[in-house]
Full PDB file with SEQRES, HELIX, SHEET, SSBOND, CRYST1, ORIGX, SCALE, CONECT and MASTER records, all heavy atoms in Angstrom:
SEQRES   1 A   39  VAL HIS THR PHE ARG GLY PRO HIS TRP CYS GLU TYR CYS          
SEQRES   2 A   39  ALA ASN PHE MET TRP GLY LEU ILE ALA GLN GLY VAL ARG          
SEQRES   3 A   39  CYS SER ASP CYS GLY LEU ASN VAL HIS LYS GLN CYS SER          
CRYST1    1.000    1.000    1.000  90.00  90.00  90.00 P 1           1          
ORIGX1      1.000000  0.000000  0.000000        0.00000                         
ORIGX2      0.000000  1.000000  0.000000        0.00000                         
ORIGX3      0.000000  0.000000  1.000000        0.00000                         
SCALE1      1.000000  0.000000  0.000000        0.00000                         
SCALE2      0.000000  1.000000  0.000000        0.00000                         
SCALE3      0.000000  0.000000  1.000000        0.00000                         
ATOM      1  N   VAL A   1     -49.713  47.273 102.744  1.00  0.00           N  
ATOM      2  CA  VAL A   1     -50.200  46.278 101.715  1.00  0.00           C  
ATOM      3  C   VAL A   1     -49.253  46.105 100.655  1.00  0.00           C  
ATOM      4  O   VAL A   1     -48.614  47.064 100.240  1.00  0.00           O  
ATOM      5  CB  VAL A   1     -51.547  46.779 101.122  1.00  0.00           C  
ATOM      6  CG1 VAL A   1     -52.095  45.906  99.938  1.00  0.00           C  
ATOM      7  CG2 VAL A   1     -52.589  46.774 102.193  1.00  0.00           C  
ATOM      8  N   HIS A   2     -48.958  44.900 100.071  1.00  0.00           N  
ATOM      9  CA  HIS A   2     -47.844  44.699  99.172  1.00  0.00           C  
ATOM     10  C   HIS A   2     -48.386  43.822  98.001  1.00  0.00           C  
ATOM     11  O   HIS A   2     -49.250  42.941  98.205  1.00  0.00           O  
ATOM     12  CB  HIS A   2     -46.738  44.028  99.838  1.00  0.00           C  
ATOM     13  CG  HIS A   2     -45.428  44.087  98.982  1.00  0.00           C  
ATOM     14  ND1 HIS A   2     -44.663  45.166  98.797  1.00  0.00           N  
ATOM     15  CD2 HIS A   2     -44.915  43.016  98.429  1.00  0.00           C  
ATOM     16  CE1 HIS A   2     -43.527  44.725  98.127  1.00  0.00           C  
ATOM     17  NE2 HIS A   2     -43.810  43.455  97.724  1.00  0.00           N  
ATOM     18  N   THR A   3     -47.786  44.125  96.817  1.00  0.00           N  
ATOM     19  CA  THR A   3     -48.139  43.255  95.634  1.00  0.00           C  
ATOM     20  C   THR A   3     -46.864  42.392  95.335  1.00  0.00           C  
ATOM     21  O   THR A   3     -45.768  42.988  95.185  1.00  0.00           O  
ATOM     22  CB  THR A   3     -48.444  43.971  94.402  1.00  0.00           C  
ATOM     23  OG1 THR A   3     -49.755  44.684  94.739  1.00  0.00           O  
ATOM     24  CG2 THR A   3     -48.611  43.218  93.193  1.00  0.00           C  
ATOM     25  N   PHE A   4     -46.937  41.152  95.575  1.00  0.00           N  
ATOM     26  CA  PHE A   4     -45.804  40.218  95.342  1.00  0.00           C  
ATOM     27  C   PHE A   4     -45.694  39.646  93.935  1.00  0.00           C  
ATOM     28  O   PHE A   4     -46.776  39.295  93.257  1.00  0.00           O  
ATOM     29  CB  PHE A   4     -46.011  39.070  96.286  1.00  0.00           C  
ATOM     30  CG  PHE A   4     -45.984  39.305  97.774  1.00  0.00           C  
ATOM     31  CD1 PHE A   4     -47.242  39.426  98.426  1.00  0.00           C  
ATOM     32  CD2 PHE A   4     -44.909  39.591  98.366  1.00  0.00           C  
ATOM     33  CE1 PHE A   4     -47.295  39.920  99.763  1.00  0.00           C  
ATOM     34  CE2 PHE A   4     -44.838  39.996  99.763  1.00  0.00           C  
ATOM     35  CZ  PHE A   4     -46.065  40.164 100.456  1.00  0.00           C  
ATOM     36  N   ARG A   5     -44.552  39.744  93.377  1.00  0.00           N  
ATOM     37  CA  ARG A   5     -44.416  39.098  92.012  1.00  0.00           C  
ATOM     38  C   ARG A   5     -44.137  37.606  92.138  1.00  0.00           C  
ATOM     39  O   ARG A   5     -43.213  37.325  93.023  1.00  0.00           O  
ATOM     40  CB  ARG A   5     -43.300  39.769  91.364  1.00  0.00           C  
ATOM     41  CG  ARG A   5     -43.471  41.172  91.075  1.00  0.00           C  
ATOM     42  CD  ARG A   5     -42.396  41.845  90.429  1.00  0.00           C  
ATOM     43  NE  ARG A   5     -42.460  43.355  90.284  1.00  0.00           N  
ATOM     44  CZ  ARG A   5     -43.175  43.905  89.429  1.00  0.00           C  
ATOM     45  NH1 ARG A   5     -43.768  43.297  88.499  1.00  0.00           N  
ATOM     46  NH2 ARG A   5     -43.360  45.248  89.408  1.00  0.00           N  
ATOM     47  N   GLY A   6     -44.955  36.835  91.467  1.00  0.00           N  
ATOM     48  CA  GLY A   6     -44.593  35.336  91.567  1.00  0.00           C  
ATOM     49  C   GLY A   6     -45.285  34.795  92.786  1.00  0.00           C  
ATOM     50  O   GLY A   6     -45.771  35.543  93.678  1.00  0.00           O  
ATOM     51  N   PRO A   7     -45.304  33.444  92.904  1.00  0.00           N  
ATOM     52  CA  PRO A   7     -45.990  32.814  94.047  1.00  0.00           C  
ATOM     53  C   PRO A   7     -45.399  33.209  95.363  1.00  0.00           C  
ATOM     54  O   PRO A   7     -44.182  33.278  95.497  1.00  0.00           O  
ATOM     55  CB  PRO A   7     -45.955  31.366  93.755  1.00  0.00           C  
ATOM     56  CG  PRO A   7     -44.762  31.190  92.810  1.00  0.00           C  
ATOM     57  CD  PRO A   7     -44.727  32.463  92.080  1.00  0.00           C  
ATOM     58  N   HIS A   8     -46.258  33.458  96.424  1.00  0.00           N  
ATOM     59  CA  HIS A   8     -45.774  33.738  97.708  1.00  0.00           C  
ATOM     60  C   HIS A   8     -46.508  33.055  98.804  1.00  0.00           C  
ATOM     61  O   HIS A   8     -47.758  32.941  98.845  1.00  0.00           O  
ATOM     62  CB  HIS A   8     -45.793  35.291  97.959  1.00  0.00           C  
ATOM     63  CG  HIS A   8     -44.475  35.959  98.102  1.00  0.00           C  
ATOM     64  ND1 HIS A   8     -43.677  36.224  97.066  1.00  0.00           N  
ATOM     65  CD2 HIS A   8     -43.778  36.160  99.235  1.00  0.00           C  
ATOM     66  CE1 HIS A   8     -42.541  36.679  97.376  1.00  0.00           C  
ATOM     67  NE2 HIS A   8     -42.572  36.713  98.914  1.00  0.00           N  
ATOM     68  N   TRP A   9     -45.730  32.687  99.852  1.00  0.00           N  
ATOM     69  CA  TRP A   9     -46.402  32.007 100.911  1.00  0.00           C  
ATOM     70  C   TRP A   9     -46.343  32.839 102.337  1.00  0.00           C  
ATOM     71  O   TRP A   9     -45.328  33.647 102.422  1.00  0.00           O  
ATOM     72  CB  TRP A   9     -45.717  30.642 101.309  1.00  0.00           C  
ATOM     73  CG  TRP A   9     -46.185  29.552 100.284  1.00  0.00           C  
ATOM     74  CD1 TRP A   9     -47.238  28.730 100.415  1.00  0.00           C  
ATOM     75  CD2 TRP A   9     -45.664  29.418  98.968  1.00  0.00           C  
ATOM     76  NE1 TRP A   9     -47.378  27.947  99.317  1.00  0.00           N  
ATOM     77  CE2 TRP A   9     -46.428  28.314  98.358  1.00  0.00           C  
ATOM     78  CE3 TRP A   9     -44.726  30.085  98.096  1.00  0.00           C  
ATOM     79  CZ2 TRP A   9     -46.215  27.833  97.061  1.00  0.00           C  
ATOM     80  CZ3 TRP A   9     -44.463  29.637  96.995  1.00  0.00           C  
ATOM     81  CH2 TRP A   9     -45.283  28.452  96.329  1.00  0.00           C  
ATOM     82  N   CYS A  10     -47.418  32.784 103.096  1.00  0.00           N  
ATOM     83  CA  CYS A  10     -47.503  33.721 104.254  1.00  0.00           C  
ATOM     84  C   CYS A  10     -46.445  33.159 105.264  1.00  0.00           C  
ATOM     85  O   CYS A  10     -46.395  31.887 105.543  1.00  0.00           O  
ATOM     86  CB  CYS A  10     -48.792  33.633 104.876  1.00  0.00           C  
ATOM     87  SG  CYS A  10     -48.975  34.234 106.554  1.00  0.00           S  
ATOM     88  N   GLU A  11     -45.584  34.007 105.859  1.00  0.00           N  
ATOM     89  CA  GLU A  11     -44.505  33.484 106.791  1.00  0.00           C  
ATOM     90  C   GLU A  11     -45.036  33.352 108.145  1.00  0.00           C  
ATOM     91  O   GLU A  11     -44.381  32.915 109.186  1.00  0.00           O  
ATOM     92  CB  GLU A  11     -43.467  34.553 106.763  1.00  0.00           C  
ATOM     93  CG  GLU A  11     -42.618  34.702 105.555  1.00  0.00           C  
ATOM     94  CD  GLU A  11     -41.645  35.732 105.553  1.00  0.00           C  
ATOM     95  OE1 GLU A  11     -40.910  35.956 106.467  1.00  0.00           O  
ATOM     96  OE2 GLU A  11     -41.559  36.544 104.380  1.00  0.00           O  
ATOM     97  N   TYR A  12     -46.414  33.553 108.365  1.00  0.00           N  
ATOM     98  CA  TYR A  12     -47.012  33.250 109.725  1.00  0.00           C  
ATOM     99  C   TYR A  12     -47.656  31.904 109.714  1.00  0.00           C  
ATOM    100  O   TYR A  12     -47.489  31.020 110.556  1.00  0.00           O  
ATOM    101  CB  TYR A  12     -47.959  34.353 110.135  1.00  0.00           C  
ATOM    102  CG  TYR A  12     -48.558  34.167 111.467  1.00  0.00           C  
ATOM    103  CD1 TYR A  12     -47.923  34.394 112.594  1.00  0.00           C  
ATOM    104  CD2 TYR A  12     -49.845  33.830 111.641  1.00  0.00           C  
ATOM    105  CE1 TYR A  12     -48.354  34.336 113.910  1.00  0.00           C  
ATOM    106  CE2 TYR A  12     -50.520  33.707 112.858  1.00  0.00           C  
ATOM    107  CZ  TYR A  12     -49.669  33.808 113.942  1.00  0.00           C  
ATOM    108  OH  TYR A  12     -50.285  33.625 115.207  1.00  0.00           O  
ATOM    109  N   CYS A  13     -48.626  31.721 108.729  1.00  0.00           N  
ATOM    110  CA  CYS A  13     -49.466  30.421 108.585  1.00  0.00           C  
ATOM    111  C   CYS A  13     -48.921  29.503 107.559  1.00  0.00           C  
ATOM    112  O   CYS A  13     -49.342  28.378 107.581  1.00  0.00           O  
ATOM    113  CB  CYS A  13     -50.937  30.738 108.390  1.00  0.00           C  
ATOM    114  SG  CYS A  13     -51.339  31.346 106.828  1.00  0.00           S  
ATOM    115  N   ALA A  14     -47.924  29.867 106.826  1.00  0.00           N  
ATOM    116  CA  ALA A  14     -47.297  29.096 105.753  1.00  0.00           C  
ATOM    117  C   ALA A  14     -48.268  28.603 104.661  1.00  0.00           C  
ATOM    118  O   ALA A  14     -47.912  27.756 103.952  1.00  0.00           O  
ATOM    119  CB  ALA A  14     -46.628  27.769 106.450  1.00  0.00           C  
ATOM    120  N   ASN A  15     -49.347  29.297 104.562  1.00  0.00           N  
ATOM    121  CA  ASN A  15     -50.334  28.996 103.406  1.00  0.00           C  
ATOM    122  C   ASN A  15     -49.967  30.001 102.239  1.00  0.00           C  
ATOM    123  O   ASN A  15     -49.396  31.083 102.456  1.00  0.00           O  
ATOM    124  CB  ASN A  15     -51.642  29.141 103.911  1.00  0.00           C  
ATOM    125  CG  ASN A  15     -52.108  27.873 104.815  1.00  0.00           C  
ATOM    126  OD1 ASN A  15     -51.823  26.754 104.444  1.00  0.00           O  
ATOM    127  ND2 ASN A  15     -52.752  28.173 105.905  1.00  0.00           N  
ATOM    128  N   PHE A  16     -50.649  29.564 101.153  1.00  0.00           N  
ATOM    129  CA  PHE A  16     -50.386  30.276  99.844  1.00  0.00           C  
ATOM    130  C   PHE A  16     -51.097  31.649 100.016  1.00  0.00           C  
ATOM    131  O   PHE A  16     -52.149  31.878 100.567  1.00  0.00           O  
ATOM    132  CB  PHE A  16     -50.843  29.433  98.766  1.00  0.00           C  
ATOM    133  CG  PHE A  16     -50.610  30.013  97.360  1.00  0.00           C  
ATOM    134  CD1 PHE A  16     -49.256  30.186  97.002  1.00  0.00           C  
ATOM    135  CD2 PHE A  16     -51.572  30.564  96.581  1.00  0.00           C  
ATOM    136  CE1 PHE A  16     -48.953  30.701  95.720  1.00  0.00           C  
ATOM    137  CE2 PHE A  16     -51.305  31.052  95.266  1.00  0.00           C  
ATOM    138  CZ  PHE A  16     -50.020  31.214  94.847  1.00  0.00           C  
ATOM    139  N   MET A  17     -50.456  32.689  99.355  1.00  0.00           N  
ATOM    140  CA  MET A  17     -51.119  34.025  99.278  1.00  0.00           C  
ATOM    141  C   MET A  17     -51.807  34.086  97.907  1.00  0.00           C  
ATOM    142  O   MET A  17     -51.155  34.128  96.865  1.00  0.00           O  
ATOM    143  CB  MET A  17     -50.116  35.145  99.378  1.00  0.00           C  
ATOM    144  CG  MET A  17     -49.579  35.260 100.790  1.00  0.00           C  
ATOM    145  SD  MET A  17     -48.630  36.836 100.820  1.00  0.00           S  
ATOM    146  CE  MET A  17     -47.991  36.817 102.337  1.00  0.00           C  
ATOM    147  N   TRP A  18     -53.115  34.082  97.885  1.00  0.00           N  
ATOM    148  CA  TRP A  18     -53.847  34.172  96.593  1.00  0.00           C  
ATOM    149  C   TRP A  18     -53.953  35.486  95.997  1.00  0.00           C  
ATOM    150  O   TRP A  18     -53.858  36.494  96.597  1.00  0.00           O  
ATOM    151  CB  TRP A  18     -55.289  33.511  96.740  1.00  0.00           C  
ATOM    152  CG  TRP A  18     -55.144  32.026  97.168  1.00  0.00           C  
ATOM    153  CD1 TRP A  18     -55.172  31.611  98.394  1.00  0.00           C  
ATOM    154  CD2 TRP A  18     -55.068  30.891  96.345  1.00  0.00           C  
ATOM    155  NE1 TRP A  18     -55.211  30.168  98.450  1.00  0.00           N  
ATOM    156  CE2 TRP A  18     -54.942  29.802  97.095  1.00  0.00           C  
ATOM    157  CE3 TRP A  18     -54.911  30.806  94.899  1.00  0.00           C  
ATOM    158  CZ2 TRP A  18     -54.972  28.564  96.645  1.00  0.00           C  
ATOM    159  CZ3 TRP A  18     -54.839  29.580  94.384  1.00  0.00           C  
ATOM    160  CH2 TRP A  18     -54.786  28.411  95.214  1.00  0.00           C  
ATOM    161  N   GLY A  19     -54.212  35.613  94.623  1.00  0.00           N  
ATOM    162  CA  GLY A  19     -54.535  36.936  94.028  1.00  0.00           C  
ATOM    163  C   GLY A  19     -53.239  37.336  93.159  1.00  0.00           C  
ATOM    164  O   GLY A  19     -52.221  36.813  93.353  1.00  0.00           O  
ATOM    165  N   LEU A  20     -53.611  38.253  92.327  1.00  0.00           N  
ATOM    166  CA  LEU A  20     -52.681  38.912  91.458  1.00  0.00           C  
ATOM    167  C   LEU A  20     -51.981  40.092  92.057  1.00  0.00           C  
ATOM    168  O   LEU A  20     -50.749  40.197  91.887  1.00  0.00           O  
ATOM    169  CB  LEU A  20     -53.202  39.170  90.172  1.00  0.00           C  
ATOM    170  CG  LEU A  20     -53.349  38.033  89.122  1.00  0.00           C  
ATOM    171  CD1 LEU A  20     -54.053  38.564  87.929  1.00  0.00           C  
ATOM    172  CD2 LEU A  20     -52.062  37.328  88.770  1.00  0.00           C  
ATOM    173  N   ILE A  21     -52.861  40.889  92.713  1.00  0.00           N  
ATOM    174  CA  ILE A  21     -52.303  42.080  93.317  1.00  0.00           C  
ATOM    175  C   ILE A  21     -52.674  42.292  94.770  1.00  0.00           C  
ATOM    176  O   ILE A  21     -53.634  41.675  95.226  1.00  0.00           O  
ATOM    177  CB  ILE A  21     -52.837  43.484  92.633  1.00  0.00           C  
ATOM    178  CG1 ILE A  21     -54.273  43.468  92.505  1.00  0.00           C  
ATOM    179  CG2 ILE A  21     -52.128  43.538  91.167  1.00  0.00           C  
ATOM    180  CD1 ILE A  21     -54.824  44.799  92.150  1.00  0.00           C  
ATOM    181  N   ALA A  22     -51.962  42.998  95.590  1.00  0.00           N  
ATOM    182  CA  ALA A  22     -52.226  43.189  96.967  1.00  0.00           C  
ATOM    183  C   ALA A  22     -52.509  41.842  97.714  1.00  0.00           C  
ATOM    184  O   ALA A  22     -53.546  41.775  98.395  1.00  0.00           O  
ATOM    185  CB  ALA A  22     -53.321  44.186  97.102  1.00  0.00           C  
ATOM    186  N   GLN A  23     -51.727  40.947  97.499  1.00  0.00           N  
ATOM    187  CA  GLN A  23     -52.112  39.520  98.091  1.00  0.00           C  
ATOM    188  C   GLN A  23     -51.882  39.543  99.578  1.00  0.00           C  
ATOM    189  O   GLN A  23     -52.420  38.664 100.280  1.00  0.00           O  
ATOM    190  CB  GLN A  23     -51.131  38.294  97.433  1.00  0.00           C  
ATOM    191  CG  GLN A  23     -51.147  38.355  95.988  1.00  0.00           C  
ATOM    192  CD  GLN A  23     -50.071  39.102  95.387  1.00  0.00           C  
ATOM    193  OE1 GLN A  23     -49.638  40.173  95.902  1.00  0.00           O  
ATOM    194  NE2 GLN A  23     -49.479  38.617  94.229  1.00  0.00           N  
ATOM    195  N   GLY A  24     -51.028  40.457 100.119  1.00  0.00           N  
ATOM    196  CA  GLY A  24     -50.762  40.405 101.628  1.00  0.00           C  
ATOM    197  C   GLY A  24     -50.141  41.611 101.991  1.00  0.00           C  
ATOM    198  O   GLY A  24     -50.165  42.697 101.295  1.00  0.00           O  
ATOM    199  N   VAL A  25     -49.574  41.611 103.139  1.00  0.00           N  
ATOM    200  CA  VAL A  25     -48.890  42.831 103.694  1.00  0.00           C  
ATOM    201  C   VAL A  25     -47.400  42.446 103.957  1.00  0.00           C  
ATOM    202  O   VAL A  25     -47.006  41.363 104.176  1.00  0.00           O  
ATOM    203  CB  VAL A  25     -49.523  43.301 104.967  1.00  0.00           C  
ATOM    204  CG1 VAL A  25     -50.882  43.831 104.667  1.00  0.00           C  
ATOM    205  CG2 VAL A  25     -49.564  42.270 106.062  1.00  0.00           C  
ATOM    206  N   ARG A  26     -46.478  43.473 103.856  1.00  0.00           N  
ATOM    207  CA  ARG A  26     -45.075  43.272 104.088  1.00  0.00           C  
ATOM    208  C   ARG A  26     -44.720  44.341 105.157  1.00  0.00           C  
ATOM    209  O   ARG A  26     -45.036  45.502 105.164  1.00  0.00           O  
ATOM    210  CB  ARG A  26     -44.319  43.469 102.827  1.00  0.00           C  
ATOM    211  CG  ARG A  26     -42.760  43.725 103.138  1.00  0.00           C  
ATOM    212  CD  ARG A  26     -41.963  43.816 101.845  1.00  0.00           C  
ATOM    213  NE  ARG A  26     -41.782  42.359 101.286  1.00  0.00           N  
ATOM    214  CZ  ARG A  26     -41.276  42.168 100.180  1.00  0.00           C  
ATOM    215  NH1 ARG A  26     -40.881  43.274  99.420  1.00  0.00           N  
ATOM    216  NH2 ARG A  26     -41.148  40.954  99.670  1.00  0.00           N  
ATOM    217  N   CYS A  27     -43.858  43.929 106.257  1.00  0.00           N  
ATOM    218  CA  CYS A  27     -43.445  44.948 107.223  1.00  0.00           C  
ATOM    219  C   CYS A  27     -42.164  45.755 106.554  1.00  0.00           C  
ATOM    220  O   CYS A  27     -41.285  45.183 106.166  1.00  0.00           O  
ATOM    221  CB  CYS A  27     -42.919  44.194 108.322  1.00  0.00           C  
ATOM    222  SG  CYS A  27     -42.058  45.318 109.588  1.00  0.00           S  
ATOM    223  N   SER A  28     -42.404  46.936 106.465  1.00  0.00           N  
ATOM    224  CA  SER A  28     -41.450  47.837 105.766  1.00  0.00           C  
ATOM    225  C   SER A  28     -40.200  48.014 106.695  1.00  0.00           C  
ATOM    226  O   SER A  28     -39.192  48.533 106.156  1.00  0.00           O  
ATOM    227  CB  SER A  28     -41.947  49.128 105.308  1.00  0.00           C  
ATOM    228  OG  SER A  28     -42.927  49.791 106.291  1.00  0.00           O  
ATOM    229  N   ASP A  29     -40.159  47.481 107.885  1.00  0.00           N  
ATOM    230  CA  ASP A  29     -38.974  47.585 108.818  1.00  0.00           C  
ATOM    231  C   ASP A  29     -38.145  46.411 108.811  1.00  0.00           C  
ATOM    232  O   ASP A  29     -36.987  46.378 108.830  1.00  0.00           O  
ATOM    233  CB  ASP A  29     -39.420  48.040 110.238  1.00  0.00           C  
ATOM    234  CG  ASP A  29     -40.081  49.457 110.334  1.00  0.00           C  
ATOM    235  OD1 ASP A  29     -39.896  50.158 109.415  1.00  0.00           O  
ATOM    236  OD2 ASP A  29     -40.669  49.665 111.330  1.00  0.00           O  
ATOM    237  N   CYS A  30     -38.799  45.172 108.840  1.00  0.00           N  
ATOM    238  CA  CYS A  30     -38.099  43.970 108.729  1.00  0.00           C  
ATOM    239  C   CYS A  30     -38.299  43.065 107.623  1.00  0.00           C  
ATOM    240  O   CYS A  30     -37.607  42.098 107.420  1.00  0.00           O  
ATOM    241  CB  CYS A  30     -38.433  43.152 109.987  1.00  0.00           C  
ATOM    242  SG  CYS A  30     -40.025  42.268 110.082  1.00  0.00           S  
ATOM    243  N   GLY A  31     -39.301  43.314 106.744  1.00  0.00           N  
ATOM    244  CA  GLY A  31     -39.526  42.536 105.567  1.00  0.00           C  
ATOM    245  C   GLY A  31     -40.368  41.357 105.700  1.00  0.00           C  
ATOM    246  O   GLY A  31     -40.512  40.493 104.687  1.00  0.00           O  
ATOM    247  N   LEU A  32     -40.994  41.121 106.906  1.00  0.00           N  
ATOM    248  CA  LEU A  32     -41.944  39.948 107.079  1.00  0.00           C  
ATOM    249  C   LEU A  32     -43.161  40.058 105.993  1.00  0.00           C  
ATOM    250  O   LEU A  32     -43.655  41.059 105.935  1.00  0.00           O  
ATOM    251  CB  LEU A  32     -42.406  39.901 108.542  1.00  0.00           C  
ATOM    252  CG  LEU A  32     -43.257  38.766 108.925  1.00  0.00           C  
ATOM    253  CD1 LEU A  32     -42.304  37.418 109.115  1.00  0.00           C  
ATOM    254  CD2 LEU A  32     -43.961  38.934 110.219  1.00  0.00           C  
ATOM    255  N   ASN A  33     -43.424  38.985 105.406  1.00  0.00           N  
ATOM    256  CA  ASN A  33     -44.551  38.854 104.579  1.00  0.00           C  
ATOM    257  C   ASN A  33     -45.645  37.990 105.125  1.00  0.00           C  
ATOM    258  O   ASN A  33     -45.381  36.705 105.345  1.00  0.00           O  
ATOM    259  CB  ASN A  33     -44.037  38.292 103.156  1.00  0.00           C  
ATOM    260  CG  ASN A  33     -42.936  39.034 102.582  1.00  0.00           C  
ATOM    261  OD1 ASN A  33     -43.036  40.357 102.612  1.00  0.00           O  
ATOM    262  ND2 ASN A  33     -41.919  38.494 102.085  1.00  0.00           N  
ATOM    263  N   VAL A  34     -46.907  38.462 105.299  1.00  0.00           N  
ATOM    264  CA  VAL A  34     -47.961  37.694 105.749  1.00  0.00           C  
ATOM    265  C   VAL A  34     -49.265  38.082 105.092  1.00  0.00           C  
ATOM    266  O   VAL A  34     -49.489  39.091 104.489  1.00  0.00           O  
ATOM    267  CB  VAL A  34     -48.113  37.851 107.308  1.00  0.00           C  
ATOM    268  CG1 VAL A  34     -46.822  37.197 108.078  1.00  0.00           C  
ATOM    269  CG2 VAL A  34     -48.357  39.323 107.736  1.00  0.00           C  
ATOM    270  N   HIS A  35     -50.229  37.146 105.285  1.00  0.00           N  
ATOM    271  CA  HIS A  35     -51.640  37.551 104.960  1.00  0.00           C  
ATOM    272  C   HIS A  35     -52.089  38.703 105.758  1.00  0.00           C  
ATOM    273  O   HIS A  35     -51.753  38.929 106.855  1.00  0.00           O  
ATOM    274  CB  HIS A  35     -52.662  36.325 105.170  1.00  0.00           C  
ATOM    275  CG  HIS A  35     -52.427  35.192 104.396  1.00  0.00           C  
ATOM    276  ND1 HIS A  35     -52.063  34.014 104.807  1.00  0.00           N  
ATOM    277  CD2 HIS A  35     -52.753  35.075 103.082  1.00  0.00           C  
ATOM    278  CE1 HIS A  35     -52.029  33.015 103.780  1.00  0.00           C  
ATOM    279  NE2 HIS A  35     -52.542  33.694 102.758  1.00  0.00           N  
ATOM    280  N   LYS A  36     -53.081  39.477 105.204  1.00  0.00           N  
ATOM    281  CA  LYS A  36     -53.557  40.615 105.851  1.00  0.00           C  
ATOM    282  C   LYS A  36     -54.221  40.102 107.262  1.00  0.00           C  
ATOM    283  O   LYS A  36     -54.040  40.725 108.299  1.00  0.00           O  
ATOM    284  CB  LYS A  36     -54.594  41.341 105.068  1.00  0.00           C  
ATOM    285  CG  LYS A  36     -54.861  42.641 105.457  1.00  0.00           C  
ATOM    286  CD  LYS A  36     -55.723  43.409 104.408  1.00  0.00           C  
ATOM    287  CE  LYS A  36     -55.771  44.924 104.702  1.00  0.00           C  
ATOM    288  NZ  LYS A  36     -56.469  45.702 103.574  1.00  0.00           N  
ATOM    289  N   GLN A  37     -55.028  39.035 107.114  1.00  0.00           N  
ATOM    290  CA  GLN A  37     -55.599  38.456 108.236  1.00  0.00           C  
ATOM    291  C   GLN A  37     -54.616  38.039 109.379  1.00  0.00           C  
ATOM    292  O   GLN A  37     -54.715  38.209 110.620  1.00  0.00           O  
ATOM    293  CB  GLN A  37     -56.519  37.250 107.940  1.00  0.00           C  
ATOM    294  CG  GLN A  37     -58.003  37.515 107.652  1.00  0.00           C  
ATOM    295  CD  GLN A  37     -58.122  38.619 106.592  1.00  0.00           C  
ATOM    296  OE1 GLN A  37     -57.521  38.530 105.578  1.00  0.00           O  
ATOM    297  NE2 GLN A  37     -58.832  39.656 106.791  1.00  0.00           N  
ATOM    298  N   CYS A  38     -53.612  37.351 108.830  1.00  0.00           N  
ATOM    299  CA  CYS A  38     -52.476  36.907 109.892  1.00  0.00           C  
ATOM    300  C   CYS A  38     -51.715  37.992 110.616  1.00  0.00           C  
ATOM    301  O   CYS A  38     -51.271  37.846 111.713  1.00  0.00           O  
ATOM    302  CB  CYS A  38     -51.515  36.053 109.104  1.00  0.00           C  
ATOM    303  SG  CYS A  38     -52.170  34.441 108.528  1.00  0.00           S  
ATOM    304  N   SER A  39     -51.708  39.147 109.864  1.00  0.00           N  
ATOM    305  CA  SER A  39     -51.003  40.274 110.558  1.00  0.00           C  
ATOM    306  C   SER A  39     -51.529  40.751 111.751  1.00  0.00           C  
ATOM    307  O   SER A  39     -50.746  41.209 112.705  1.00  0.00           O  
ATOM    308  CB  SER A  39     -51.016  41.506 109.548  1.00  0.00           C  
ATOM    309  OG  SER A  39     -52.237  42.023 109.409  1.00  0.00           O  
TER     310      SER A  39                                                      
MASTER        0    0    0    0    0    0    0    6  309    1    0    3          
END                                                                             
């Protein structure tokens, strides 16, 4: 689970990640950022 600073889009579905904190997840090995559902 990751908190993104500034607006972020999901790299899987290309939709916006809503919310101020913990908007999505990031892969700590490759850096991919996606919605929790998309993961």
